[in-house]
Structures are given as structure tokens and as C-alpha cells.
Amino acid sequence: MNVTSIKANLDRKFERMNSAVGDLALVESFAAQRRTVAERLAAGKALRDQVSRKAHATYEPAADRDDPVATLEAQNRQRVQKLVPVRFARMLASPFAFLRGSAAVMAADLSTTPTTGMGVAACGDMHVANFGAFATAERNLIFAINDFDEVHPGPWEWDLKRLAASAAVAVRFMGGDKEQAEGAAQAIVRSYRKSMRRYAGMGFLETWYDRIDEKEVLDTLSPTMRRRAVKAMEKARSKGHVAVLEKLTEQVDGEHRIIEEVPLIVRETHFEAGTPVKVALDGMLHSYIESLPIDRRILLSRYRIVDAARKVVGVGSVGTACWVILLQGVDTEDPLFLQVKQAQTSVLAPYVDHKLRFEHQGQRVVVGQRIIQGSPDIFLGWGNADGQYLYVRQLADMKGSAKFSEGDDEGVEGFDEYCGLCGWALALAHAKSGDPAMISGYCGNSDALDEAIGKFAMAYAKQTDQDHEALDKARRSGRIRVAAQETVK
């Protein structure tokens, strides 16, 4: 067999492999990837003739735009009904909280905006609170995206626009003015664009191995922001399973038990469909273990289950099934907390043509996270229980994230620097799953895209204010039930 035929056979094998596993890794075909960087940059630049960068500045709600409250109510039909009022209460806290909880609303709005047709594994719920510090398997801290419930093949523009809009809304929430809000949105895009240009020139393995580690984070920040980041890193490093054990449990008859805090932490006896929790979780763990590599199965087999409780988390996830399982190793001071979350169909799915080859929504979340985060949880996996798709990760493992407070003038100061880190992390995620050279070729070296998406972000911030008011109007009219504030944290 000559070299030419060997190469042809390898090409066919690689293409089959790409088809089999490439659902969320939306790089072009292997043949297209073998074009030079210069050729791919030029191909991306040529797309400006079809969709100008200025075209991204405009946001106009569709004439037949769905009622945002109706969209949320439709989602709620698939959720734990007694927790729906908690979800609404959290979303009503501010327009920023509303934006975080309304990924489905914005996905529909983004679907009407122009795109270049270049796909990535899109996060689907991109916002400035969806980033944080995490421990790698080597126990080093990195900065990356932290929630992948909505990950799905989609246009790179949707993630970038949602992230930029969230920055604008967050600035206004913290007390900043319109100029600062638009500046933060532009900082997101500028960092994304410059980071993508760097990834365009890197090798595939080099990009795959790239991390935004603690040193790189600190090196990019001003002295004031660096001091804040050091404190945040120290706090994240102090968080672990033993710390969670002390916070979430108490000793009962010599065993740790999760402390109930109704309605946010509850030791349920049955799932919504009536299946006993013990039976459902036992079945889930058996299916979950099958999704793990053998070495992780061996490690997990050394632990025994001690307790489990339903726990309300986040804003957008409220009402979906979420459980905390406490496991114990050699003694009571060797805990492991696993978080079991329900995975529903991504909010992006109705608006993209790409269909996944697997139906398990938990697998979608796990595969997406493994591709675009780079250093995922060692216990990340998926399973089934009571007819629900679920995925599993550690509840606490040296994790930390930024906090945003209403009227926080100090938070506005230096926020652009934080936005720069978010734009960088998003570019890395997209570079791992898309074609960084083509995306970079389109984005260019000027600030044209920064200014365009900055304008979009301000327009969508106004839309968010209106949607938040619509939800509050639904509360005042009695259309929706909202939990009392003392039950919501």
C-alpha cells in the first residue's frame, strides 16, 4: 500500500470518527482544518460580505415575539411545582437576576439576529455570573465557565451577545451608568476578539491544553483587582468537601446528616412521579457509574452513601430536580458530596438545525463540558432516575465565583477587567470546539465588532428591564405565585 492510499484510508477513518463523536465539537471537517491559518483567516474575513460586523449592533424585538412570562410558564410545567414560586421570587430580585433565569427567553430573541453560520459548542446560558475558579485534577486553580446545563451546538455570536448583554445589565444593577455599562460590554467583545486571534495561530493540541490558571489571571489584573482576586482564590482554595460537611450537615447518632432548610434543602421520601428516593437514586447511581472511566469507578466504589436531600440551586435551575448525595470514605472526616442535577433539552435546541446523535440530555451536558472547559470534574458523568435525564458532579471542589451586589460602586470599579477574563474564557471554549482562525478572521483587529455588540447589549438591557417589569406585573395581577422573601436565599 503506497503513502497516498494510506493517507486516503486515514482520512476516511478520521471523517467517520468526527461524525461519531463530533456532535459538540463543531470544527469544520478534518480536510477543511488542514487549510493554512492564513486561508482560514481569509475565509472568515470573507464572511463579512454576507453579514457585516455592524449588523450585530441592532436588536429589534420580533413583531410576534412571545410573551416572556408565557415562555417561563411553559418551562415551569416540567419543573417541581412547589418550587416554581421560589424561581419567580429569585428572578424578580432584579433585572440582572431575571436575565440569569431567562435563557429560554433570550435564546428565542437571539434566533432572529444575524449570524455568520460558524458553529461552536455554545454554552447557551452565558452571563458574567457563569464563571469561576475551579480545581483541576492536579489541584491547581483555573478560571473558566462553570455551568453547562444549556450547552448545545450553536452560533458563536449567541454566546458572545448574551455575555455582553449580561455585563451591561450587571453594571446597571451595581449602580453604574450607561457609559460604564456599554464599556463593560465592549470589554467582553474586545477580550474575546483578541484572545481568539491568539488561538487562531496556536496548534490544536496547544489550544486543547491551554488553561487560564491562577498566575495568568493575576498577571492580567491591576494591583487593586489583583488583591481582590487573591482573596477570592484563597476563599476558593479553602472550599472543599470537609468545609461543606461542616456547613451542610450535623451529627445524628454518630452519622452526618444533611440539615434541612425548607423549602431549599429537603430530605424527600419520593420523587415527583412517586418513586421512592432511595430506589430512584440507587438506579441512577448504577447508570451513572457506567458513564465513568474505570479508574473513577474504582475510586467511587470505596465510598458508601450516607444521606441525600433535594437542594435548590442557582436562579435558572430552580425547579429542576437537584439532589445532594453525601458519601463517606475511610471515616466521617473523609466526605464526598455529589450533586445530581436534572438535564432538560437545551434552550438552543429549537433554533438550530444541528441534531445530536444521542438523546440523553445529561450526556449532552457532560460531553459539552469536557470539550469546552478543559479540566472538568473527575466525577463528571450522567445517569437516569424516575424517567429523568441527570448528570452528576462534585458539589464542592475548590470552587469560587464572583459576587454581584446591588448598588456596589466598588464592584463597578475594575469590572471591565473581570469582563476581560470572561471574554478570554469564552474565546478559549469556542476555540476548543469551533474554528478559531475563521472566527478571528471575521472578528478582525479593529474595534468594529466591539462597538456593534456594545450597542446590541444596551438595546437588550432595555429589553431585559421591560421583561422584568412584565414578570412583576404578572405577580401584581396574581397570574403567578411568588414565594415569600424569607424562604428565598
Protein backbone atom coordinates (compact mmCIF):
# COMPACT_ATOMS: atom_id res chain seq x y z
CA MET A 1 0.00 0.00 0.00
CA ASN A 2 1.53 3.34 -1.02
CA VAL A 3 1.58 6.54 1.02
CA THR A 4 -1.31 8.06 -0.95
CA SER A 5 -3.65 5.15 -0.25
CA ILE A 6 -2.66 5.07 3.42
CA LYS A 7 -3.44 8.78 3.69
CA ALA A 8 -6.81 8.27 1.97
CA ASN A 9 -7.71 5.46 4.40
CA LEU A 10 -6.73 7.59 7.38
CA ASP A 11 -8.81 10.48 6.05
CA ARG A 12 -11.87 8.24 5.81
CA LYS A 13 -11.32 6.89 9.34
CA PHE A 14 -10.91 10.40 10.75
CA GLU A 15 -14.05 11.57 8.99
CA ARG A 16 -16.03 8.63 10.44
CA MET A 17 -14.62 9.40 13.89
CA ASN A 18 -15.55 13.05 13.53
CA SER A 19 -19.09 12.07 12.56
CA ALA A 20 -19.40 9.69 15.51
CA VAL A 21 -18.12 11.94 18.30
CA GLY A 22 -18.26 15.43 16.85
CA ASP A 23 -21.75 16.44 17.92
CA LEU A 24 -20.49 19.18 20.22
CA ALA A 25 -17.07 19.72 18.63
CA LEU A 26 -18.17 21.80 15.69
CA VAL A 27 -14.87 22.37 13.96
CA GLU A 28 -15.08 22.05 10.21
CA SER A 29 -14.18 18.74 8.59
CA PHE A 30 -10.63 17.49 9.01
CA ALA A 31 -9.93 18.32 5.37
CA ALA A 32 -11.03 21.93 5.93
CA GLN A 33 -8.92 22.16 9.07
CA ARG A 34 -5.84 21.31 7.01
CA ARG A 35 -6.11 24.64 5.25
CA THR A 36 -3.46 27.08 6.43
CA VAL A 37 -4.18 29.58 9.17
CA ALA A 38 -3.96 32.36 6.62
CA GLU A 39 -6.53 30.66 4.39
CA ARG A 40 -8.94 30.16 7.28
CA LEU A 41 -8.49 33.75 8.47
CA ALA A 42 -9.28 34.93 4.96
CA ALA A 43 -12.35 32.68 4.76
CA GLY A 44 -13.64 34.17 8.00
CA LYS A 45 -12.97 37.71 6.81
CA ALA A 46 -14.87 36.98 3.59
CA LEU A 47 -17.99 36.26 5.64
CA ARG A 48 -18.25 39.98 6.38
CA ASP A 49 -19.59 40.35 2.83
CA GLN A 50 -22.58 38.22 3.88
CA VAL A 51 -23.01 39.57 7.44
CA SER A 52 -21.30 42.84 8.23
CA ARG A 53 -19.95 43.37 11.73
CA LYS A 54 -22.16 46.45 12.05
CA ALA A 55 -25.19 44.20 11.54
CA HIS A 56 -24.67 42.86 15.07
CA ALA A 57 -25.45 46.26 16.59
CA THR A 58 -29.18 46.04 16.08
CA TYR A 59 -31.74 44.44 18.34
CA GLU A 60 -35.40 44.80 17.48
CA PRO A 61 -37.97 42.53 19.18
CA ALA A 62 -39.86 40.46 16.65
CA ALA A 63 -43.37 41.63 15.86
CA ASP A 64 -44.71 38.26 17.01
CA ARG A 65 -42.35 37.98 20.00
CA ASP A 66 -43.63 35.52 22.59
CA ASP A 67 -44.77 36.81 25.95
CA PRO A 68 -41.69 36.28 28.18
CA VAL A 69 -43.87 35.26 31.12
CA ALA A 70 -45.57 32.63 28.97
CA THR A 71 -42.15 31.27 27.97
CA LEU A 72 -41.20 30.87 31.64
CA GLU A 73 -44.57 29.30 32.46
CA ALA A 74 -44.06 26.76 29.68
CA GLN A 75 -40.69 25.82 31.17
CA ASN A 76 -42.23 25.53 34.61
CA ARG A 77 -44.61 22.79 33.52
CA GLN A 78 -41.63 20.42 33.50
CA ARG A 79 -40.39 21.52 36.94
CA VAL A 80 -41.14 20.71 40.57
CA GLN A 81 -44.32 22.72 41.01
CA LYS A 82 -43.85 23.65 44.66
CA LEU A 83 -40.53 25.29 43.75
CA VAL A 84 -41.85 27.44 40.89
CA PRO A 85 -42.72 30.33 43.27
CA VAL A 86 -39.11 30.26 44.51
CA ARG A 87 -37.87 30.54 40.94
CA PHE A 88 -40.08 33.55 40.26
CA ALA A 89 -39.03 35.20 43.53
CA ARG A 90 -35.36 34.87 42.64
CA MET A 91 -35.90 36.24 39.13
CA LEU A 92 -37.88 39.21 40.44
CA ALA A 93 -34.98 40.32 42.64
CA SER A 94 -33.54 42.47 39.83
CA PRO A 95 -33.27 42.69 36.03
CA PHE A 96 -29.86 41.01 36.39
CA ALA A 97 -31.45 38.07 38.21
CA PHE A 98 -34.17 37.95 35.55
CA LEU A 99 -31.58 37.76 32.78
CA ARG A 100 -29.80 34.89 34.54
CA GLY A 101 -33.02 32.93 34.84
CA SER A 102 -34.44 33.61 31.38
CA ALA A 103 -32.03 31.89 29.00
CA ALA A 104 -35.02 30.49 27.10
CA VAL A 105 -36.41 33.99 26.50
CA MET A 106 -33.11 35.32 25.17
CA ALA A 107 -32.46 32.22 23.05
CA ALA A 108 -35.66 32.97 21.15
CA ASP A 109 -34.64 36.60 20.73
CA LEU A 110 -31.13 35.71 19.57
CA SER A 111 -32.52 33.29 17.00
CA THR A 112 -33.77 36.28 14.98
CA THR A 113 -30.38 38.06 14.92
CA PRO A 114 -27.80 37.73 12.11
CA THR A 115 -25.14 35.01 12.31
CA THR A 116 -22.19 34.00 10.16
CA GLY A 117 -23.00 30.29 10.18
CA MET A 118 -19.87 29.29 12.11
CA GLY A 119 -20.78 26.84 14.86
CA VAL A 120 -19.28 26.06 18.26
CA ALA A 121 -20.33 24.15 21.34
CA ALA A 122 -22.31 27.13 22.63
CA CYS A 123 -22.80 27.45 26.39
CA GLY A 124 -26.38 28.64 25.82
CA ASP A 125 -26.59 30.41 29.19
CA MET A 126 -23.65 32.77 29.01
CA HIS A 127 -23.56 35.57 31.60
CA VAL A 128 -20.97 37.20 33.83
CA ALA A 129 -22.05 35.16 36.88
CA ASN A 130 -21.43 31.91 34.98
CA PHE A 131 -17.66 31.92 35.54
CA GLY A 132 -15.48 30.98 38.44
CA ALA A 133 -12.35 29.40 39.83
CA PHE A 134 -12.07 25.60 39.87
CA ALA A 135 -9.56 22.98 40.87
CA THR A 136 -8.08 20.79 38.17
CA ALA A 137 -7.33 17.13 38.85
CA GLU A 138 -3.81 18.30 39.73
CA ARG A 139 -5.33 20.65 42.37
CA ASN A 140 -4.42 23.85 40.50
CA LEU A 141 -6.93 26.68 40.23
CA ILE A 142 -8.17 27.79 36.81
CA PHE A 143 -10.73 30.36 35.65
CA ALA A 144 -13.46 29.02 33.36
CA ILE A 145 -17.17 28.71 32.61
CA ASN A 146 -18.96 26.94 35.45
CA ASP A 147 -22.43 25.91 34.22
CA PHE A 148 -23.24 23.89 31.12
CA ASP A 149 -26.91 22.99 31.50
CA GLU A 150 -27.79 24.60 28.14
CA VAL A 151 -24.68 23.65 26.14
CA HIS A 152 -25.54 22.78 22.54
CA PRO A 153 -24.17 23.27 19.02
CA GLY A 154 -24.96 26.82 18.00
CA PRO A 155 -23.61 30.10 16.60
CA TRP A 156 -20.68 31.65 18.45
CA GLU A 157 -22.41 35.05 18.24
CA TRP A 158 -25.24 33.98 20.55
CA ASP A 159 -22.91 33.29 23.48
CA LEU A 160 -20.95 36.48 22.92
CA LYS A 161 -24.05 38.67 22.66
CA ARG A 162 -25.67 37.17 25.76
CA LEU A 163 -22.44 37.60 27.73
CA ALA A 164 -22.05 41.21 26.60
CA ALA A 165 -25.68 41.99 27.44
CA SER A 166 -25.26 40.46 30.89
CA ALA A 167 -22.27 42.72 31.53
CA ALA A 168 -24.34 45.80 30.67
CA VAL A 169 -27.22 44.66 32.89
CA ALA A 170 -24.83 43.81 35.75
CA VAL A 171 -23.23 47.27 35.65
CA ARG A 172 -26.62 48.97 35.89
CA PHE A 173 -27.55 46.60 38.74
CA MET A 174 -24.39 47.59 40.61
CA GLY A 175 -25.16 51.30 40.17
CA GLY A 176 -23.07 52.16 37.12
CA ASP A 177 -24.19 54.48 34.35
CA LYS A 178 -24.94 53.79 30.68
CA GLU A 179 -21.41 54.65 29.57
CA GLN A 180 -19.91 52.20 32.05
CA ALA A 181 -22.46 49.54 31.03
CA GLU A 182 -21.62 49.83 27.34
CA GLY A 183 -17.90 49.92 28.17
CA ALA A 184 -18.18 46.63 30.07
CA ALA A 185 -19.99 45.02 27.14
CA GLN A 186 -17.29 46.22 24.77
CA ALA A 187 -14.59 44.90 27.13
CA ILE A 188 -16.13 41.43 26.79
CA VAL A 189 -16.00 41.53 22.99
CA ARG A 190 -12.54 43.11 22.83
CA SER A 191 -11.04 40.40 25.02
CA TYR A 192 -12.86 37.67 23.10
CA ARG A 193 -11.64 39.04 19.78
CA LYS A 194 -8.00 39.43 20.86
CA SER A 195 -7.93 36.03 22.57
CA MET A 196 -9.43 34.36 19.51
CA ARG A 197 -6.69 35.89 17.35
CA ARG A 198 -4.10 34.27 19.60
CA TYR A 199 -5.83 30.89 19.45
CA ALA A 200 -6.04 31.19 15.67
CA GLY A 201 -2.26 30.89 15.50
CA MET A 202 -1.89 28.08 18.01
CA GLY A 203 -1.75 24.37 17.28
CA PHE A 204 -4.75 22.18 18.05
CA LEU A 205 -3.07 20.40 20.97
CA GLU A 206 -1.69 23.65 22.31
CA THR A 207 -5.21 25.10 22.34
CA TRP A 208 -6.65 21.94 23.88
CA TYR A 209 -4.15 22.05 26.75
CA ASP A 210 -4.49 25.79 27.34
CA ARG A 211 -5.77 26.92 30.72
CA ILE A 212 -6.39 30.28 32.34
CA ASP A 213 -4.54 29.45 35.52
CA GLU A 214 -4.10 31.44 38.70
CA LYS A 215 -0.86 33.10 37.55
CA GLU A 216 -2.34 34.16 34.23
CA VAL A 217 -5.37 35.64 35.97
CA LEU A 218 -3.24 37.67 38.37
CA ASP A 219 -0.84 38.81 35.64
CA THR A 220 -3.67 40.45 33.69
CA LEU A 221 -5.09 42.48 36.58
CA SER A 222 -4.34 45.89 38.06
CA PRO A 223 -2.95 45.98 41.63
CA THR A 224 -6.40 46.69 43.12
CA MET A 225 -8.13 43.91 41.22
CA ARG A 226 -5.21 41.58 41.84
CA ARG A 227 -5.67 41.95 45.60
CA ARG A 228 -9.37 41.11 45.25
CA ALA A 229 -8.58 38.13 43.05
CA VAL A 230 -6.02 36.79 45.53
CA LYS A 231 -8.66 36.87 48.27
CA ALA A 232 -11.18 35.14 46.00
CA MET A 233 -8.64 32.44 45.10
CA GLU A 234 -7.81 31.88 48.77
CA LYS A 235 -11.50 31.54 49.54
CA ALA A 236 -11.98 29.05 46.70
CA ARG A 237 -8.97 27.06 47.87
CA SER A 238 -10.50 26.81 51.36
CA LYS A 239 -13.70 25.30 49.98
CA GLY A 240 -13.84 21.55 49.83
CA HIS A 241 -15.85 18.59 50.97
CA VAL A 242 -14.80 18.93 54.62
CA ALA A 243 -15.89 22.59 54.66
CA VAL A 244 -19.25 21.64 53.10
CA LEU A 245 -19.59 18.84 55.65
CA GLU A 246 -19.35 21.39 58.45
CA LYS A 247 -21.78 23.77 56.76
CA LEU A 248 -24.48 21.43 55.45
CA THR A 249 -24.56 18.59 57.98
CA GLU A 250 -24.99 17.75 61.62
CA GLN A 251 -24.18 14.57 63.53
CA VAL A 252 -27.07 12.27 64.38
CA ASP A 253 -26.32 9.00 66.21
CA GLY A 254 -22.70 9.16 65.12
CA GLU A 255 -23.50 9.77 61.44
CA HIS A 256 -23.54 13.00 59.48
CA ARG A 257 -26.95 14.04 58.19
CA ILE A 258 -27.77 16.87 55.80
CA ILE A 259 -29.53 19.72 57.63
CA GLU A 260 -32.95 20.52 56.21
CA GLU A 261 -33.82 24.12 55.33
CA VAL A 262 -37.32 24.04 53.91
CA PRO A 263 -38.01 24.65 51.05
CA LEU A 264 -34.41 24.99 49.82
CA ILE A 265 -32.93 21.80 51.32
CA VAL A 266 -35.39 18.97 51.95
CA ARG A 267 -34.93 15.29 52.70
CA GLU A 268 -37.65 13.98 50.40
CA THR A 269 -39.05 10.46 50.57
CA HIS A 270 -40.34 10.28 46.98
CA PHE A 271 -39.63 11.76 43.57
CA GLU A 272 -42.34 13.83 41.84
CA ALA A 273 -43.63 10.77 39.97
CA GLY A 274 -43.96 8.85 43.23
CA THR A 275 -40.85 6.67 43.05
CA PRO A 276 -39.15 6.27 46.44
CA VAL A 277 -35.99 8.39 46.55
CA LYS A 278 -33.84 5.50 47.73
CA VAL A 279 -34.94 3.34 44.79
CA ALA A 280 -34.57 6.14 42.22
CA LEU A 281 -31.14 7.27 43.41
CA ASP A 282 -29.88 3.70 43.63
CA GLY A 283 -30.89 3.14 40.00
CA MET A 284 -29.38 6.47 39.00
CA LEU A 285 -26.03 5.66 40.60
CA HIS A 286 -25.86 2.33 38.78
CA SER A 287 -26.42 4.03 35.41
CA TYR A 288 -24.11 6.91 36.36
CA ILE A 289 -21.23 4.58 37.21
CA GLU A 290 -21.44 3.11 33.72
CA SER A 291 -20.66 6.56 32.29
CA LEU A 292 -17.40 6.87 34.26
CA PRO A 293 -13.93 5.67 33.22
CA ILE A 294 -12.84 2.53 35.05
CA ASP A 295 -10.37 4.35 37.29
CA ARG A 296 -13.14 6.68 38.54
CA ARG A 297 -15.43 3.69 39.14
CA ILE A 298 -12.79 2.11 41.35
CA LEU A 299 -12.34 5.33 43.31
CA LEU A 300 -16.07 5.87 43.76
CA SER A 301 -16.61 2.24 44.86
CA ARG A 302 -14.60 2.95 48.00
CA TYR A 303 -17.28 5.32 49.29
CA ARG A 304 -20.64 4.48 50.82
CA ILE A 305 -23.82 6.58 50.67
CA VAL A 306 -24.72 8.23 53.97
CA ASP A 307 -27.52 10.66 53.14
CA ALA A 308 -29.31 12.50 50.32
CA ALA A 309 -31.51 15.60 50.07
CA ARG A 310 -33.07 17.79 47.41
CA LYS A 311 -31.32 21.17 47.16
CA VAL A 312 -32.42 24.30 45.31
CA VAL A 313 -29.55 25.96 43.42
CA GLY A 314 -29.00 28.99 41.21
CA VAL A 315 -31.68 31.05 39.50
CA GLY A 316 -32.38 29.38 36.16
CA SER A 317 -32.16 25.86 37.63
CA VAL A 318 -34.76 26.36 40.35
CA GLY A 319 -37.49 23.77 39.98
CA THR A 320 -35.46 21.22 38.08
CA ALA A 321 -34.59 18.11 40.05
CA CYS A 322 -31.39 18.65 42.02
CA TRP A 323 -30.08 16.35 44.72
CA VAL A 324 -27.09 16.32 47.03
CA ILE A 325 -25.68 12.93 47.98
CA LEU A 326 -23.30 12.61 50.91
CA LEU A 327 -20.84 9.74 50.68
CA GLN A 328 -18.24 8.69 53.23
CA GLY A 329 -14.80 7.19 52.79
CA VAL A 330 -12.44 5.85 55.43
CA ASP A 331 -14.10 7.79 58.26
CA THR A 332 -16.50 10.65 58.99
CA GLU A 333 -13.83 13.19 58.02
CA ASP A 334 -13.44 11.73 54.51
CA PRO A 335 -16.64 13.01 52.86
CA LEU A 336 -17.57 13.26 49.20
CA PHE A 337 -20.55 15.36 48.09
CA LEU A 338 -22.08 14.62 44.70
CA GLN A 339 -24.61 16.93 43.09
CA VAL A 340 -27.19 15.25 40.87
CA LYS A 341 -28.94 17.68 38.50
CA GLN A 342 -31.72 17.17 36.01
CA ALA A 343 -30.78 17.90 32.40
CA GLN A 344 -33.58 19.03 30.13
CA THR A 345 -33.48 19.89 26.43
CA SER A 346 -31.20 22.88 25.79
CA VAL A 347 -32.92 26.22 25.23
CA LEU A 348 -30.90 26.48 21.99
CA ALA A 349 -32.21 23.23 20.50
CA PRO A 350 -35.38 24.64 18.87
CA TYR A 351 -33.39 27.25 16.96
CA VAL A 352 -30.55 25.27 15.37
CA ASP A 353 -30.58 22.64 12.63
CA HIS A 354 -27.86 20.50 14.21
CA LYS A 355 -29.36 17.46 15.91
CA LEU A 356 -27.40 15.44 18.44
CA ARG A 357 -26.83 11.75 17.82
CA PHE A 358 -27.58 10.92 21.46
CA GLU A 359 -30.87 11.59 23.23
CA HIS A 360 -29.56 11.64 26.81
CA GLN A 361 -29.55 15.27 27.89
CA GLY A 362 -27.18 14.55 30.78
CA GLN A 363 -24.69 13.15 28.30
CA ARG A 364 -25.07 16.35 26.26
CA VAL A 365 -24.10 18.43 29.31
CA VAL A 366 -21.15 16.20 30.21
CA VAL A 367 -19.74 15.97 26.68
CA GLY A 368 -20.12 19.71 26.24
CA GLN A 369 -18.32 20.44 29.50
CA ARG A 370 -15.49 18.02 28.73
CA ILE A 371 -14.93 19.67 25.37
CA ILE A 372 -15.03 23.33 26.28
CA GLN A 373 -13.98 23.59 29.94
CA GLY A 374 -10.75 21.68 29.56
CA SER A 375 -10.35 20.49 33.17
CA PRO A 376 -13.71 19.06 34.17
CA ASP A 377 -14.65 17.43 37.44
CA ILE A 378 -13.16 13.93 37.81
CA PHE A 379 -16.60 12.60 38.83
CA LEU A 380 -18.50 14.20 35.95
CA GLY A 381 -20.95 11.71 34.45
CA TRP A 382 -24.58 11.07 33.61
CA GLY A 383 -27.41 8.71 34.56
CA ASN A 384 -31.19 8.23 34.76
CA ALA A 385 -33.75 8.22 37.54
CA ASP A 386 -37.53 8.20 37.56
CA GLY A 387 -37.71 8.90 33.84
CA GLN A 388 -35.41 11.92 34.11
CA TYR A 389 -32.07 12.60 32.42
CA LEU A 390 -29.49 13.55 35.04
CA TYR A 391 -25.85 14.48 35.28
CA VAL A 392 -23.51 14.28 38.25
CA ARG A 393 -20.58 16.35 39.51
CA GLN A 394 -18.95 17.18 42.82
CA LEU A 395 -20.86 19.72 44.88
CA ALA A 396 -17.70 21.38 46.20
CA ASP A 397 -14.16 21.08 44.98
CA MET A 398 -12.20 24.30 45.49
CA LYS A 399 -14.82 26.35 43.66
CA GLY A 400 -15.39 30.08 43.81
CA SER A 401 -17.18 32.72 41.77
CA ALA A 402 -17.66 36.48 41.65
CA LYS A 403 -20.50 38.04 43.62
CA PHE A 404 -22.51 40.98 42.34
CA SER A 405 -24.35 43.27 44.75
CA GLU A 406 -26.93 45.96 44.08
CA GLY A 407 -25.50 49.47 44.38
CA ASP A 408 -21.93 48.15 44.67
CA ASP A 409 -19.89 51.10 43.37
CA GLU A 410 -16.69 49.29 44.27
CA GLY A 411 -17.83 46.37 42.11
CA VAL A 412 -18.23 48.65 39.09
CA GLU A 413 -14.66 49.86 39.54
CA GLY A 414 -12.45 47.32 37.83
CA PHE A 415 -15.42 45.39 36.40
CA ASP A 416 -14.02 45.83 32.89
CA GLU A 417 -11.02 43.77 33.95
CA TYR A 418 -13.28 40.96 35.13
CA CYS A 419 -15.17 41.21 31.83
CA GLY A 420 -11.85 40.78 30.05
CA LEU A 421 -11.31 37.47 31.84
CA CYS A 422 -14.82 36.33 30.90
CA GLY A 423 -14.27 37.20 27.24
CA TRP A 424 -10.98 35.31 27.30
CA ALA A 425 -12.57 32.22 28.87
CA LEU A 426 -15.39 32.23 26.32
CA ALA A 427 -12.89 32.53 23.44
CA LEU A 428 -10.99 29.52 24.79
CA ALA A 429 -14.20 27.48 25.00
CA HIS A 430 -15.13 28.38 21.43
CA ALA A 431 -11.60 27.78 20.14
CA LYS A 432 -11.73 24.23 21.50
CA SER A 433 -14.97 23.40 19.69
CA GLY A 434 -15.01 25.70 16.66
CA ASP A 435 -12.54 27.12 14.15
CA PRO A 436 -10.66 29.93 15.92
CA ALA A 437 -8.97 31.14 12.75
CA MET A 438 -12.22 31.59 10.84
CA ILE A 439 -13.93 33.26 13.80
CA SER A 440 -10.91 35.51 14.29
CA GLY A 441 -10.83 36.38 10.60
CA TYR A 442 -14.40 37.57 10.85
CA CYS A 443 -13.93 39.47 14.14
CA GLY A 444 -10.85 41.32 12.81
CA ASN A 445 -8.36 43.59 14.54
CA SER A 446 -10.38 46.79 14.76
CA ASP A 447 -12.98 47.70 17.38
CA ALA A 448 -15.85 47.42 14.85
CA LEU A 449 -17.34 44.31 16.45
CA ASP A 450 -16.76 45.63 19.97
CA GLU A 451 -18.80 48.74 19.23
CA ALA A 452 -21.53 46.86 17.39
CA ILE A 453 -22.17 44.28 20.11
CA GLY A 454 -21.82 47.02 22.74
CA LYS A 455 -24.82 48.72 21.12
CA PHE A 456 -26.70 45.42 20.97
CA ALA A 457 -26.01 44.87 24.67
CA MET A 458 -27.52 48.22 25.61
CA ALA A 459 -30.59 47.58 23.49
CA TYR A 460 -31.05 44.15 25.07
CA ALA A 461 -30.51 45.56 28.56
CA LYS A 462 -33.56 47.74 27.89
CA GLN A 463 -35.49 44.66 26.76
CA THR A 464 -34.48 42.90 29.99
CA ASP A 465 -35.83 45.79 32.06
CA GLN A 466 -39.14 45.53 30.20
CA ASP A 467 -39.33 41.74 30.62
CA HIS A 468 -38.53 42.04 34.32
CA GLU A 469 -41.34 44.55 34.66
CA ALA A 470 -43.67 42.17 32.79
CA LEU A 471 -42.90 39.45 35.32
CA ASP A 472 -43.53 41.84 38.20
CA LYS A 473 -46.84 42.84 36.59
CA ALA A 474 -47.78 39.14 36.46
CA ARG A 475 -47.02 38.96 40.19
CA ARG A 476 -49.14 42.00 40.97
CA SER A 477 -52.07 40.69 38.94
CA GLY A 478 -51.92 37.28 40.61
CA ARG A 479 -51.06 35.50 37.36
CA ILE A 480 -48.01 33.92 39.02
CA ARG A 481 -47.33 32.85 42.60
CA VAL A 482 -44.16 34.13 44.23
CA ALA A 483 -42.51 32.77 47.35
CA ALA A 484 -42.11 35.00 50.38
CA GLN A 485 -38.65 36.56 50.54
CA GLU A 486 -37.77 34.89 53.83
CA THR A 487 -37.86 31.50 52.07
CA VAL A 488 -35.58 32.62 49.24
CA LYS A 489 -31.81 32.95 49.53
